[in-house]
Amino acid sequence: MRIVLVGPPGAGKGTQAAYLAENLSIPHISTGDLFRANISQGTELGQKAQEYMRSGQLVPDEVTIGMAKDRMEQPDAEVGFLLDGFPRNLAQAEALDAILKDAGLKLDAVLDLEVPEDEVVKRIAGRRMCRNDSSHIFHVEYTPSKVEGVCDLCGGELYQREDDSEETVRKRLAVYHSETEPIIDYYRAQSLVTTISALGQVSEVTTRAMAALGSGE
């Protein structure tokens, strides 16, 4: 299957993408992983991306599209793939359609993870990370530490990243609404979109997603 996963920041796309890709035995292709792989391997596209990132600029669509195209042409993606974070706007969605058409392929489904905006803010703004180890993550409401502000695992100080502040989260949501949300209507016109609730336990969301794809767990 060839699937695009969309949803606002905080919807749990990365988590669901990993579970779905494993269940469907297809590679999970995320924009973040594409950037990291190309930069670490020193590819031409990776070098271009790094130049833009170092100067604080957004990486142009053509660079991101080039990375995605190269990844989708790898042998493990012949059976399908799950795209997470790409396409992020209409230009990238149109480029993806053109890439697939040239290869005689097409998308099978677009999963839209739906989360109320206030819940997104609560999920992200409530996160607290350990200064000693960034993999130690807590949440003031869902997974609070035993002692406020102190990591249960190592005793380090817990803090809120600047990117997780409510103001920043709302700015990210505004960008999502203006740039990424239009691709949902674009794909809906192709009868590819299924919207599922991303509320509840991770396993519950995965079950809904698998059902939407016509697959049982």
N, C-alpha and C. Protein backbone atom coordinates (compact mmCIF):
# COMPACT_ATOMS: atom_id res chain seq x y z
N MET A 1 0.84 -1.20 0.00
CA MET A 1 0.00 0.00 0.00
C MET A 1 0.87 1.25 0.00
N ARG A 2 0.36 2.29 -0.62
CA ARG A 2 1.05 3.58 -0.63
C ARG A 2 0.14 4.59 0.07
N ILE A 3 0.60 5.05 1.22
CA ILE A 3 -0.25 5.82 2.13
C ILE A 3 0.41 7.13 2.50
N VAL A 4 -0.40 8.18 2.62
CA VAL A 4 0.05 9.46 3.16
C VAL A 4 -0.67 9.65 4.50
N LEU A 5 0.09 10.01 5.53
CA LEU A 5 -0.47 10.27 6.85
C LEU A 5 -0.40 11.76 7.12
N VAL A 6 -1.53 12.36 7.43
CA VAL A 6 -1.56 13.81 7.71
C VAL A 6 -2.24 14.05 9.06
N GLY A 7 -1.97 15.22 9.61
CA GLY A 7 -2.57 15.58 10.88
C GLY A 7 -1.77 16.71 11.49
N PRO A 8 -2.36 17.45 12.42
CA PRO A 8 -1.67 18.58 13.02
C PRO A 8 -0.53 18.13 13.92
N PRO A 9 0.37 19.05 14.27
CA PRO A 9 1.40 18.69 15.25
C PRO A 9 0.72 18.22 16.53
N GLY A 10 1.28 17.19 17.16
CA GLY A 10 0.69 16.67 18.38
C GLY A 10 -0.36 15.61 18.16
N ALA A 11 -0.62 15.25 16.89
CA ALA A 11 -1.64 14.24 16.60
C ALA A 11 -1.11 12.82 16.79
N GLY A 12 0.21 12.69 16.94
CA GLY A 12 0.79 11.36 17.11
C GLY A 12 1.13 10.68 15.79
N LYS A 13 1.40 11.48 14.75
CA LYS A 13 1.69 10.90 13.43
C LYS A 13 2.90 9.96 13.46
N GLY A 14 3.97 10.39 14.11
CA GLY A 14 5.18 9.56 14.13
C GLY A 14 4.94 8.22 14.78
N THR A 15 4.24 8.24 15.91
CA THR A 15 3.93 7.00 16.63
C THR A 15 3.06 6.09 15.79
N GLN A 16 1.99 6.64 15.24
CA GLN A 16 1.08 5.83 14.42
C GLN A 16 1.76 5.34 13.15
N ALA A 17 2.58 6.18 12.55
CA ALA A 17 3.28 5.79 11.31
C ALA A 17 4.14 4.56 11.57
N ALA A 18 4.85 4.55 12.69
CA ALA A 18 5.73 3.42 13.01
C ALA A 18 4.93 2.13 13.17
N TYR A 19 3.81 2.20 13.90
CA TYR A 19 2.97 1.01 14.11
C TYR A 19 2.35 0.53 12.80
N LEU A 20 1.81 1.47 12.03
CA LEU A 20 1.15 1.09 10.78
C LEU A 20 2.14 0.49 9.79
N ALA A 21 3.31 1.11 9.67
CA ALA A 21 4.32 0.61 8.73
C ALA A 21 4.72 -0.82 9.10
N GLU A 22 4.86 -1.06 10.41
CA GLU A 22 5.23 -2.42 10.86
C GLU A 22 4.12 -3.42 10.56
N ASN A 23 2.87 -3.02 10.87
CA ASN A 23 1.73 -3.90 10.63
C ASN A 23 1.55 -4.22 9.14
N LEU A 24 1.86 -3.24 8.29
CA LEU A 24 1.65 -3.40 6.85
C LEU A 24 2.90 -3.86 6.11
N SER A 25 4.01 -3.97 6.85
CA SER A 25 5.31 -4.41 6.27
C SER A 25 5.75 -3.51 5.11
N ILE A 26 5.64 -2.20 5.35
CA ILE A 26 6.10 -1.23 4.37
C ILE A 26 7.00 -0.22 5.09
N PRO A 27 7.93 0.44 4.40
CA PRO A 27 8.80 1.41 5.06
C PRO A 27 8.06 2.68 5.47
N HIS A 28 8.44 3.20 6.63
CA HIS A 28 7.94 4.48 7.13
C HIS A 28 8.91 5.55 6.66
N ILE A 29 8.44 6.45 5.83
CA ILE A 29 9.29 7.50 5.28
C ILE A 29 8.87 8.84 5.86
N SER A 30 9.69 9.38 6.77
CA SER A 30 9.37 10.66 7.38
C SER A 30 10.32 11.74 6.87
N THR A 31 9.82 12.96 6.80
CA THR A 31 10.64 14.07 6.33
C THR A 31 11.88 14.24 7.19
N GLY A 32 11.71 14.13 8.50
CA GLY A 32 12.84 14.27 9.41
C GLY A 32 13.93 13.25 9.14
N ASP A 33 13.52 11.99 8.94
CA ASP A 33 14.49 10.94 8.65
C ASP A 33 15.19 11.18 7.31
N LEU A 34 14.42 11.67 6.33
CA LEU A 34 15.00 11.97 5.01
C LEU A 34 16.10 13.02 5.14
N PHE A 35 15.81 14.08 5.87
CA PHE A 35 16.79 15.15 6.05
C PHE A 35 18.03 14.62 6.76
N ARG A 36 17.82 13.90 7.86
CA ARG A 36 18.96 13.39 8.65
C ARG A 36 19.81 12.44 7.82
N ALA A 37 19.18 11.55 7.06
CA ALA A 37 19.92 10.57 6.27
C ALA A 37 20.73 11.25 5.17
N ASN A 38 20.11 12.18 4.47
CA ASN A 38 20.81 12.86 3.37
C ASN A 38 21.94 13.74 3.88
N ILE A 39 21.73 14.39 5.01
CA ILE A 39 22.78 15.24 5.58
C ILE A 39 23.94 14.39 6.09
N SER A 40 23.62 13.30 6.81
CA SER A 40 24.69 12.45 7.37
C SER A 40 25.48 11.74 6.27
N GLN A 41 24.79 11.42 5.16
CA GLN A 41 25.47 10.73 4.04
C GLN A 41 26.16 11.71 3.10
N GLY A 42 25.95 13.01 3.32
CA GLY A 42 26.61 14.02 2.50
C GLY A 42 26.16 14.04 1.07
N THR A 43 24.87 13.67 0.82
CA THR A 43 24.38 13.68 -0.56
C THR A 43 24.27 15.13 -1.04
N GLU A 44 24.15 15.28 -2.34
CA GLU A 44 24.01 16.63 -2.90
C GLU A 44 22.78 17.34 -2.34
N LEU A 45 21.68 16.59 -2.23
CA LEU A 45 20.45 17.17 -1.69
C LEU A 45 20.63 17.49 -0.20
N GLY A 46 21.34 16.62 0.49
CA GLY A 46 21.58 16.84 1.91
C GLY A 46 22.41 18.08 2.15
N GLN A 47 23.42 18.30 1.30
CA GLN A 47 24.27 19.48 1.42
C GLN A 47 23.46 20.76 1.17
N LYS A 48 22.58 20.68 0.17
CA LYS A 48 21.73 21.84 -0.13
C LYS A 48 20.81 22.14 1.05
N ALA A 49 20.20 21.08 1.61
CA ALA A 49 19.29 21.26 2.73
C ALA A 49 20.01 21.88 3.92
N GLN A 50 21.21 21.40 4.18
CA GLN A 50 21.98 21.88 5.32
C GLN A 50 22.33 23.37 5.17
N GLU A 51 22.63 23.78 3.93
CA GLU A 51 22.95 25.19 3.69
C GLU A 51 21.76 26.08 4.07
N TYR A 52 20.57 25.66 3.66
CA TYR A 52 19.38 26.45 3.98
C TYR A 52 19.11 26.44 5.49
N MET A 53 19.25 25.27 6.10
CA MET A 53 18.96 25.14 7.52
C MET A 53 19.94 25.96 8.36
N ARG A 54 21.20 25.96 7.97
CA ARG A 54 22.20 26.71 8.71
C ARG A 54 21.94 28.21 8.67
N SER A 55 21.35 28.66 7.57
CA SER A 55 21.07 30.10 7.44
C SER A 55 19.68 30.46 7.97
N GLY A 56 19.02 29.46 8.58
CA GLY A 56 17.71 29.70 9.17
C GLY A 56 16.57 29.78 8.19
N GLN A 57 16.79 29.30 6.97
CA GLN A 57 15.75 29.35 5.95
C GLN A 57 15.04 28.00 5.83
N LEU A 58 13.83 28.03 5.33
CA LEU A 58 13.10 26.79 5.05
C LEU A 58 13.74 26.09 3.86
N VAL A 59 13.80 24.77 3.93
CA VAL A 59 14.33 24.00 2.81
C VAL A 59 13.31 24.07 1.67
N PRO A 60 13.73 24.47 0.45
CA PRO A 60 12.79 24.60 -0.68
C PRO A 60 12.11 23.28 -1.02
N ASP A 61 10.90 23.40 -1.58
CA ASP A 61 10.14 22.21 -1.95
C ASP A 61 10.93 21.27 -2.84
N GLU A 62 11.66 21.84 -3.83
CA GLU A 62 12.33 20.95 -4.79
C GLU A 62 13.37 20.04 -4.13
N VAL A 63 14.00 20.53 -3.05
CA VAL A 63 14.97 19.70 -2.33
C VAL A 63 14.26 18.58 -1.59
N THR A 64 13.20 18.93 -0.87
CA THR A 64 12.42 17.93 -0.14
C THR A 64 11.83 16.90 -1.09
N ILE A 65 11.29 17.37 -2.20
CA ILE A 65 10.69 16.47 -3.19
C ILE A 65 11.75 15.53 -3.75
N GLY A 66 12.93 16.06 -4.03
CA GLY A 66 14.02 15.22 -4.55
C GLY A 66 14.40 14.12 -3.58
N MET A 67 14.49 14.46 -2.30
CA MET A 67 14.82 13.46 -1.28
C MET A 67 13.74 12.38 -1.21
N ALA A 68 12.47 12.81 -1.22
CA ALA A 68 11.36 11.85 -1.14
C ALA A 68 11.35 10.93 -2.36
N LYS A 69 11.59 11.50 -3.53
CA LYS A 69 11.61 10.71 -4.76
C LYS A 69 12.71 9.64 -4.70
N ASP A 70 13.91 10.06 -4.28
CA ASP A 70 15.02 9.09 -4.17
C ASP A 70 14.66 7.97 -3.20
N ARG A 71 14.03 8.32 -2.08
CA ARG A 71 13.70 7.30 -1.07
C ARG A 71 12.62 6.35 -1.58
N MET A 72 11.63 6.88 -2.28
CA MET A 72 10.55 6.03 -2.78
C MET A 72 11.02 5.09 -3.88
N GLU A 73 12.19 5.39 -4.47
CA GLU A 73 12.73 4.54 -5.53
C GLU A 73 13.65 3.45 -4.99
N GLN A 74 13.83 3.40 -3.68
CA GLN A 74 14.66 2.34 -3.07
C GLN A 74 13.92 1.01 -3.13
N PRO A 75 14.66 -0.10 -3.20
CA PRO A 75 14.03 -1.43 -3.36
C PRO A 75 12.97 -1.76 -2.31
N ASP A 76 13.20 -1.35 -1.05
CA ASP A 76 12.23 -1.73 -0.01
C ASP A 76 10.89 -1.02 -0.16
N ALA A 77 10.86 0.05 -0.98
CA ALA A 77 9.62 0.80 -1.18
C ALA A 77 8.83 0.30 -2.38
N GLU A 78 9.34 -0.74 -3.05
CA GLU A 78 8.62 -1.27 -4.22
C GLU A 78 7.25 -1.82 -3.82
N VAL A 79 7.15 -2.36 -2.59
CA VAL A 79 5.89 -2.96 -2.14
C VAL A 79 4.94 -1.90 -1.59
N GLY A 80 5.44 -0.68 -1.40
CA GLY A 80 4.62 0.39 -0.86
C GLY A 80 5.40 1.21 0.15
N PHE A 81 4.73 2.18 0.75
CA PHE A 81 5.38 3.03 1.75
C PHE A 81 4.33 3.82 2.50
N LEU A 82 4.73 4.36 3.64
CA LEU A 82 3.88 5.25 4.40
C LEU A 82 4.62 6.57 4.56
N LEU A 83 4.05 7.65 4.01
CA LEU A 83 4.69 8.95 4.05
C LEU A 83 4.18 9.75 5.24
N ASP A 84 5.12 10.29 6.02
CA ASP A 84 4.81 11.02 7.24
C ASP A 84 5.55 12.37 7.19
N GLY A 85 4.79 13.46 7.02
CA GLY A 85 5.41 14.77 6.93
C GLY A 85 5.65 15.23 5.50
N PHE A 86 5.35 14.37 4.57
CA PHE A 86 5.44 14.69 3.14
C PHE A 86 4.25 14.04 2.45
N PRO A 87 3.53 14.77 1.62
CA PRO A 87 3.70 16.19 1.28
C PRO A 87 3.17 17.09 2.39
N ARG A 88 3.77 18.30 2.51
CA ARG A 88 3.35 19.25 3.54
C ARG A 88 2.58 20.42 2.94
N ASN A 89 2.50 20.50 1.62
CA ASN A 89 1.74 21.58 0.98
C ASN A 89 1.25 21.11 -0.39
N LEU A 90 0.46 21.94 -1.05
CA LEU A 90 -0.14 21.55 -2.33
C LEU A 90 0.91 21.30 -3.41
N ALA A 91 1.96 22.11 -3.44
CA ALA A 91 3.01 21.92 -4.46
C ALA A 91 3.65 20.55 -4.30
N GLN A 92 3.89 20.14 -3.07
CA GLN A 92 4.50 18.83 -2.84
C GLN A 92 3.52 17.71 -3.16
N ALA A 93 2.24 17.91 -2.87
CA ALA A 93 1.22 16.90 -3.18
C ALA A 93 1.12 16.69 -4.70
N GLU A 94 1.15 17.79 -5.44
CA GLU A 94 1.09 17.69 -6.90
C GLU A 94 2.35 17.02 -7.45
N ALA A 95 3.51 17.33 -6.84
CA ALA A 95 4.76 16.70 -7.28
C ALA A 95 4.74 15.21 -6.99
N LEU A 96 4.18 14.82 -5.84
CA LEU A 96 4.08 13.39 -5.50
C LEU A 96 3.20 12.67 -6.52
N ASP A 97 2.07 13.27 -6.87
CA ASP A 97 1.20 12.66 -7.89
C ASP A 97 1.96 12.46 -9.20
N ALA A 98 2.75 13.45 -9.59
CA ALA A 98 3.50 13.36 -10.85
C ALA A 98 4.56 12.26 -10.79
N ILE A 99 5.24 12.16 -9.64
CA ILE A 99 6.26 11.12 -9.46
C ILE A 99 5.63 9.74 -9.58
N LEU A 100 4.50 9.55 -8.90
CA LEU A 100 3.84 8.25 -8.92
C LEU A 100 3.29 7.93 -10.31
N LYS A 101 2.73 8.94 -10.97
CA LYS A 101 2.18 8.73 -12.32
C LYS A 101 3.28 8.30 -13.28
N ASP A 102 4.45 8.95 -13.19
CA ASP A 102 5.57 8.60 -14.06
C ASP A 102 6.01 7.16 -13.85
N ALA A 103 5.83 6.66 -12.62
CA ALA A 103 6.23 5.29 -12.29
C ALA A 103 5.09 4.30 -12.50
N GLY A 104 3.94 4.79 -12.97
CA GLY A 104 2.79 3.93 -13.18
C GLY A 104 2.14 3.49 -11.88
N LEU A 105 2.26 4.33 -10.84
CA LEU A 105 1.73 4.01 -9.52
C LEU A 105 0.72 5.06 -9.09
N LYS A 106 0.07 4.82 -7.95
CA LYS A 106 -0.85 5.80 -7.38
C LYS A 106 -0.98 5.56 -5.89
N LEU A 107 -1.45 6.58 -5.18
CA LEU A 107 -1.69 6.42 -3.75
C LEU A 107 -2.92 5.54 -3.52
N ASP A 108 -2.87 4.79 -2.42
CA ASP A 108 -4.02 3.96 -2.06
C ASP A 108 -4.92 4.65 -1.04
N ALA A 109 -4.31 5.46 -0.16
CA ALA A 109 -5.10 6.07 0.91
C ALA A 109 -4.37 7.25 1.52
N VAL A 110 -5.17 8.18 2.05
CA VAL A 110 -4.65 9.29 2.85
C VAL A 110 -5.39 9.24 4.17
N LEU A 111 -4.65 9.05 5.25
CA LEU A 111 -5.24 9.00 6.58
C LEU A 111 -5.08 10.37 7.24
N ASP A 112 -6.18 10.94 7.65
CA ASP A 112 -6.19 12.25 8.30
C ASP A 112 -6.46 12.05 9.78
N LEU A 113 -5.43 12.27 10.62
CA LEU A 113 -5.59 12.12 12.07
C LEU A 113 -6.19 13.42 12.63
N GLU A 114 -7.36 13.31 13.21
CA GLU A 114 -8.08 14.49 13.66
C GLU A 114 -7.98 14.63 15.18
N VAL A 115 -7.55 15.81 15.61
CA VAL A 115 -7.44 16.13 17.04
C VAL A 115 -7.92 17.56 17.25
N PRO A 116 -8.78 17.80 18.24
CA PRO A 116 -9.20 19.18 18.52
C PRO A 116 -7.99 20.05 18.87
N GLU A 117 -8.06 21.31 18.46
CA GLU A 117 -6.91 22.20 18.64
C GLU A 117 -6.52 22.34 20.11
N ASP A 118 -7.49 22.44 20.99
CA ASP A 118 -7.18 22.58 22.41
C ASP A 118 -6.45 21.35 22.94
N GLU A 119 -6.79 20.19 22.42
CA GLU A 119 -6.11 18.96 22.84
C GLU A 119 -4.66 18.95 22.35
N VAL A 120 -4.43 19.44 21.13
CA VAL A 120 -3.07 19.54 20.60
C VAL A 120 -2.23 20.42 21.52
N VAL A 121 -2.78 21.58 21.88
CA VAL A 121 -2.05 22.50 22.76
C VAL A 121 -1.76 21.83 24.09
N LYS A 122 -2.75 21.12 24.65
CA LYS A 122 -2.57 20.46 25.94
C LYS A 122 -1.48 19.37 25.84
N ARG A 123 -1.50 18.61 24.76
CA ARG A 123 -0.52 17.53 24.59
C ARG A 123 0.91 18.06 24.53
N ILE A 124 1.09 19.10 23.71
CA ILE A 124 2.46 19.58 23.48
C ILE A 124 2.93 20.51 24.59
N ALA A 125 2.08 21.46 25.00
CA ALA A 125 2.50 22.42 26.02
C ALA A 125 2.70 21.77 27.38
N GLY A 126 2.10 20.60 27.57
CA GLY A 126 2.26 19.90 28.85
C GLY A 126 3.48 19.02 28.93
N ARG A 127 4.23 18.89 27.83
CA ARG A 127 5.42 18.03 27.84
C ARG A 127 6.54 18.65 28.67
N ARG A 128 7.25 17.79 29.37
CA ARG A 128 8.44 18.21 30.11
C ARG A 128 9.56 17.22 29.81
N MET A 129 10.74 17.76 29.52
CA MET A 129 11.89 16.93 29.17
C MET A 129 12.97 17.08 30.22
N CYS A 130 13.78 16.01 30.35
CA CYS A 130 14.87 16.02 31.31
C CYS A 130 16.11 16.68 30.70
N ARG A 131 16.73 17.57 31.46
CA ARG A 131 17.93 18.24 30.95
C ARG A 131 19.10 17.27 30.81
N ASN A 132 19.08 16.18 31.57
CA ASN A 132 20.17 15.20 31.51
C ASN A 132 20.03 14.24 30.35
N ASP A 133 18.80 13.93 29.96
CA ASP A 133 18.55 12.93 28.91
C ASP A 133 17.24 13.28 28.22
N SER A 134 17.32 13.69 26.96
CA SER A 134 16.13 14.14 26.23
C SER A 134 15.14 13.01 25.93
N SER A 135 15.56 11.76 26.16
CA SER A 135 14.63 10.64 25.94
C SER A 135 13.72 10.44 27.15
N HIS A 136 14.03 11.12 28.26
CA HIS A 136 13.18 11.05 29.46
C HIS A 136 12.12 12.15 29.33
N ILE A 137 10.92 11.76 28.93
CA ILE A 137 9.86 12.73 28.65
C ILE A 137 8.65 12.46 29.55
N PHE A 138 8.13 13.50 30.15
CA PHE A 138 6.96 13.40 31.01
C PHE A 138 5.89 14.37 30.51
N HIS A 139 4.71 14.29 31.13
CA HIS A 139 3.63 15.23 30.80
C HIS A 139 2.96 15.62 32.10
N VAL A 140 2.71 16.91 32.26
CA VAL A 140 2.18 17.39 33.54
C VAL A 140 0.83 16.77 33.89
N GLU A 141 0.08 16.32 32.88
CA GLU A 141 -1.24 15.74 33.15
C GLU A 141 -1.28 14.23 32.89
N TYR A 142 -0.74 13.80 31.74
CA TYR A 142 -0.89 12.40 31.34
C TYR A 142 0.14 11.47 31.99
N THR A 143 1.39 11.91 32.08
CA THR A 143 2.45 11.10 32.70
C THR A 143 3.32 11.97 33.59
N PRO A 144 2.76 12.48 34.68
CA PRO A 144 3.52 13.39 35.55
C PRO A 144 4.63 12.66 36.30
N SER A 145 5.70 13.39 36.61
CA SER A 145 6.76 12.83 37.44
C SER A 145 6.26 12.77 38.89
N LYS A 146 6.89 11.91 39.68
CA LYS A 146 6.45 11.76 41.08
C LYS A 146 6.67 13.05 41.87
N VAL A 147 7.79 13.70 41.57
CA VAL A 147 8.08 15.00 42.18
C VAL A 147 8.08 16.03 41.07
N GLU A 148 7.27 17.08 41.22
CA GLU A 148 7.16 18.09 40.17
C GLU A 148 8.52 18.69 39.83
N GLY A 149 8.83 18.67 38.51
CA GLY A 149 10.08 19.28 38.05
C GLY A 149 11.30 18.41 38.18
N VAL A 150 11.12 17.15 38.64
CA VAL A 150 12.26 16.26 38.84
C VAL A 150 12.04 14.96 38.06
N CYS A 151 13.03 14.55 37.26
CA CYS A 151 12.94 13.32 36.47
C CYS A 151 12.93 12.09 37.38
N ASP A 152 11.95 11.21 37.19
CA ASP A 152 11.86 9.97 37.97
C ASP A 152 13.05 9.05 37.72
N LEU A 153 13.62 9.14 36.51
CA LEU A 153 14.62 8.17 36.09
C LEU A 153 16.04 8.51 36.53
N CYS A 154 16.35 9.81 36.57
CA CYS A 154 17.73 10.16 36.91
C CYS A 154 17.86 11.34 37.87
N GLY A 155 16.72 11.92 38.25
CA GLY A 155 16.77 13.04 39.18
C GLY A 155 17.09 14.37 38.53
N GLY A 156 17.18 14.39 37.20
CA GLY A 156 17.50 15.63 36.49
C GLY A 156 16.34 16.62 36.52
N GLU A 157 16.65 17.85 36.15
CA GLU A 157 15.61 18.89 36.11
C GLU A 157 14.73 18.71 34.88
N LEU A 158 13.42 18.80 35.09
CA LEU A 158 12.48 18.75 33.97
C LEU A 158 12.16 20.18 33.54
N TYR A 159 12.07 20.38 32.23
CA TYR A 159 11.80 21.72 31.72
C TYR A 159 10.91 21.64 30.48
N GLN A 160 10.32 22.77 30.12
CA GLN A 160 9.51 22.86 28.91
C GLN A 160 10.36 23.47 27.80
N ARG A 161 10.49 22.73 26.69
CA ARG A 161 11.24 23.27 25.55
C ARG A 161 10.53 24.52 25.02
N GLU A 162 11.33 25.42 24.47
CA GLU A 162 10.76 26.64 23.90
C GLU A 162 9.76 26.31 22.80
N ASP A 163 10.07 25.25 22.01
CA ASP A 163 9.18 24.83 20.91
C ASP A 163 7.85 24.30 21.42
N ASP A 164 7.79 23.95 22.72
CA ASP A 164 6.57 23.37 23.27
C ASP A 164 5.69 24.39 23.99
N SER A 165 6.08 25.66 23.98
CA SER A 165 5.26 26.68 24.64
C SER A 165 3.94 26.82 23.90
N GLU A 166 2.90 27.25 24.61
CA GLU A 166 1.58 27.38 23.99
C GLU A 166 1.62 28.33 22.80
N GLU A 167 2.35 29.44 22.95
CA GLU A 167 2.45 30.42 21.86
C GLU A 167 3.05 29.80 20.60
N THR A 168 4.13 29.03 20.79
CA THR A 168 4.79 28.39 19.64
C THR A 168 3.89 27.33 19.02
N VAL A 169 3.21 26.56 19.86
CA VAL A 169 2.31 25.52 19.37
C VAL A 169 1.21 26.13 18.50
N ARG A 170 0.65 27.23 18.97
CA ARG A 170 -0.44 27.86 18.20
C ARG A 170 0.08 28.42 16.88
N LYS A 171 1.32 28.90 16.86
CA LYS A 171 1.92 29.36 15.61
C LYS A 171 2.09 28.18 14.65
N ARG A 172 2.56 27.04 15.18
CA ARG A 172 2.72 25.84 14.34
C ARG A 172 1.38 25.36 13.80
N LEU A 173 0.34 25.47 14.61
CA LEU A 173 -1.00 25.08 14.15
C LEU A 173 -1.48 26.01 13.04
N ALA A 174 -1.17 27.29 13.17
CA ALA A 174 -1.58 28.25 12.13
C ALA A 174 -0.90 27.92 10.80
N VAL A 175 0.38 27.53 10.86
CA VAL A 175 1.10 27.13 9.66
C VAL A 175 0.48 25.87 9.07
N TYR A 176 0.14 24.91 9.95
CA TYR A 176 -0.50 23.67 9.48
C TYR A 176 -1.81 23.98 8.76
N HIS A 177 -2.64 24.84 9.36
CA HIS A 177 -3.94 25.18 8.76
C HIS A 177 -3.77 25.85 7.39
N SER A 178 -2.77 26.71 7.26
CA SER A 178 -2.61 27.47 6.02
C SER A 178 -1.88 26.69 4.94
N GLU A 179 -0.89 25.87 5.32
CA GLU A 179 -0.05 25.20 4.33
C GLU A 179 -0.42 23.74 4.09
N THR A 180 -0.65 23.00 5.17
CA THR A 180 -0.82 21.54 5.02
C THR A 180 -2.27 21.12 4.90
N GLU A 181 -3.16 21.76 5.65
CA GLU A 181 -4.56 21.34 5.64
C GLU A 181 -5.19 21.34 4.25
N PRO A 182 -4.80 22.27 3.35
CA PRO A 182 -5.39 22.25 2.01
C PRO A 182 -5.15 20.95 1.23
N ILE A 183 -4.10 20.21 1.57
CA ILE A 183 -3.88 18.95 0.83
C ILE A 183 -4.96 17.93 1.15
N ILE A 184 -5.63 18.09 2.30
CA ILE A 184 -6.70 17.15 2.64
C ILE A 184 -7.84 17.29 1.63
N ASP A 185 -8.21 18.52 1.32
CA ASP A 185 -9.26 18.74 0.31
C ASP A 185 -8.79 18.28 -1.07
N TYR A 186 -7.50 18.50 -1.34
CA TYR A 186 -6.91 18.06 -2.62
C TYR A 186 -7.08 16.55 -2.79
N TYR A 187 -6.76 15.81 -1.73
CA TYR A 187 -6.87 14.36 -1.81
C TYR A 187 -8.32 13.87 -1.65
N ARG A 188 -9.13 14.68 -0.95
CA ARG A 188 -10.54 14.31 -0.81
C ARG A 188 -11.22 14.33 -2.17
N ALA A 189 -10.79 15.25 -3.03
CA ALA A 189 -11.34 15.33 -4.38
C ALA A 189 -10.99 14.08 -5.19
N GLN A 190 -9.95 13.36 -4.75
CA GLN A 190 -9.56 12.11 -5.40
C GLN A 190 -10.14 10.89 -4.67
N SER A 191 -11.02 11.15 -3.70
CA SER A 191 -11.66 10.08 -2.91
C SER A 191 -10.65 9.20 -2.18
N LEU A 192 -9.60 9.83 -1.66
CA LEU A 192 -8.54 9.06 -0.99
C LEU A 192 -8.54 9.23 0.53
N VAL A 193 -9.27 10.23 1.04
CA VAL A 193 -9.14 10.60 2.45
C VAL A 193 -10.11 9.85 3.36
N THR A 194 -9.57 9.33 4.45
CA THR A 194 -10.37 8.84 5.56
C THR A 194 -9.91 9.58 6.81
N THR A 195 -10.84 10.25 7.47
CA THR A 195 -10.52 10.98 8.69
C THR A 195 -10.83 10.10 9.90
N ILE A 196 -9.86 9.96 10.80
CA ILE A 196 -10.07 9.16 12.00
C ILE A 196 -9.69 9.98 13.23
N SER A 197 -10.36 9.70 14.33
CA SER A 197 -10.05 10.40 15.57
C SER A 197 -8.72 9.89 16.12
N ALA A 198 -7.86 10.83 16.51
CA ALA A 198 -6.58 10.46 17.11
C ALA A 198 -6.62 10.61 18.63
N LEU A 199 -7.84 10.63 19.18
CA LEU A 199 -8.01 10.67 20.64
C LEU A 199 -8.03 9.25 21.19
N GLY A 200 -7.59 9.10 22.42
CA GLY A 200 -7.59 7.78 23.06
C GLY A 200 -6.21 7.17 23.12
N GLN A 201 -6.17 5.89 23.52
CA GLN A 201 -4.90 5.18 23.62
C GLN A 201 -4.29 4.97 22.23
N VAL A 202 -2.95 4.86 22.20
CA VAL A 202 -2.25 4.65 20.93
C VAL A 202 -2.81 3.44 20.19
N SER A 203 -3.03 2.35 20.93
CA SER A 203 -3.52 1.11 20.30
C SER A 203 -4.91 1.30 19.70
N GLU A 204 -5.74 2.13 20.35
CA GLU A 204 -7.09 2.38 19.83
C GLU A 204 -7.03 3.14 18.52
N VAL A 205 -6.12 4.11 18.43
CA VAL A 205 -5.98 4.90 17.20
C VAL A 205 -5.44 3.99 16.09
N THR A 206 -4.48 3.14 16.43
CA THR A 206 -3.93 2.21 15.43
C THR A 206 -5.02 1.29 14.89
N THR A 207 -5.88 0.79 15.78
CA THR A 207 -6.97 -0.10 15.37
C THR A 207 -7.91 0.63 14.40
N ARG A 208 -8.23 1.90 14.72
CA ARG A 208 -9.08 2.69 13.81
C ARG A 208 -8.41 2.87 12.45
N ALA A 209 -7.12 3.15 12.49
CA ALA A 209 -6.39 3.39 11.24
C ALA A 209 -6.34 2.12 10.38
N MET A 210 -6.06 0.99 11.02
CA MET A 210 -6.02 -0.28 10.28
C MET A 210 -7.38 -0.63 9.69
N ALA A 211 -8.43 -0.34 10.45
CA ALA A 211 -9.80 -0.59 9.94
C ALA A 211 -10.09 0.30 8.75
N ALA A 212 -9.63 1.55 8.82
CA ALA A 212 -9.84 2.50 7.72
C ALA A 212 -9.13 2.03 6.45
N LEU A 213 -8.01 1.34 6.66
CA LEU A 213 -7.23 0.83 5.51
C LEU A 213 -7.74 -0.52 5.04
N GLY A 214 -8.75 -1.04 5.73
CA GLY A 214 -9.31 -2.33 5.35
C GLY A 214 -8.48 -3.50 5.80
N SER A 215 -7.69 -3.28 6.88
CA SER A 215 -6.82 -4.35 7.39
C SER A 215 -7.09 -4.53 8.88
N GLY A 216 -7.09 -5.76 9.29
CA GLY A 216 -7.21 -6.05 10.72
C GLY A 216 -5.81 -6.11 11.31
N GLU A 217 -5.74 -6.03 12.63
CA GLU A 217 -4.43 -6.09 13.26
C GLU A 217 -3.96 -7.52 13.36
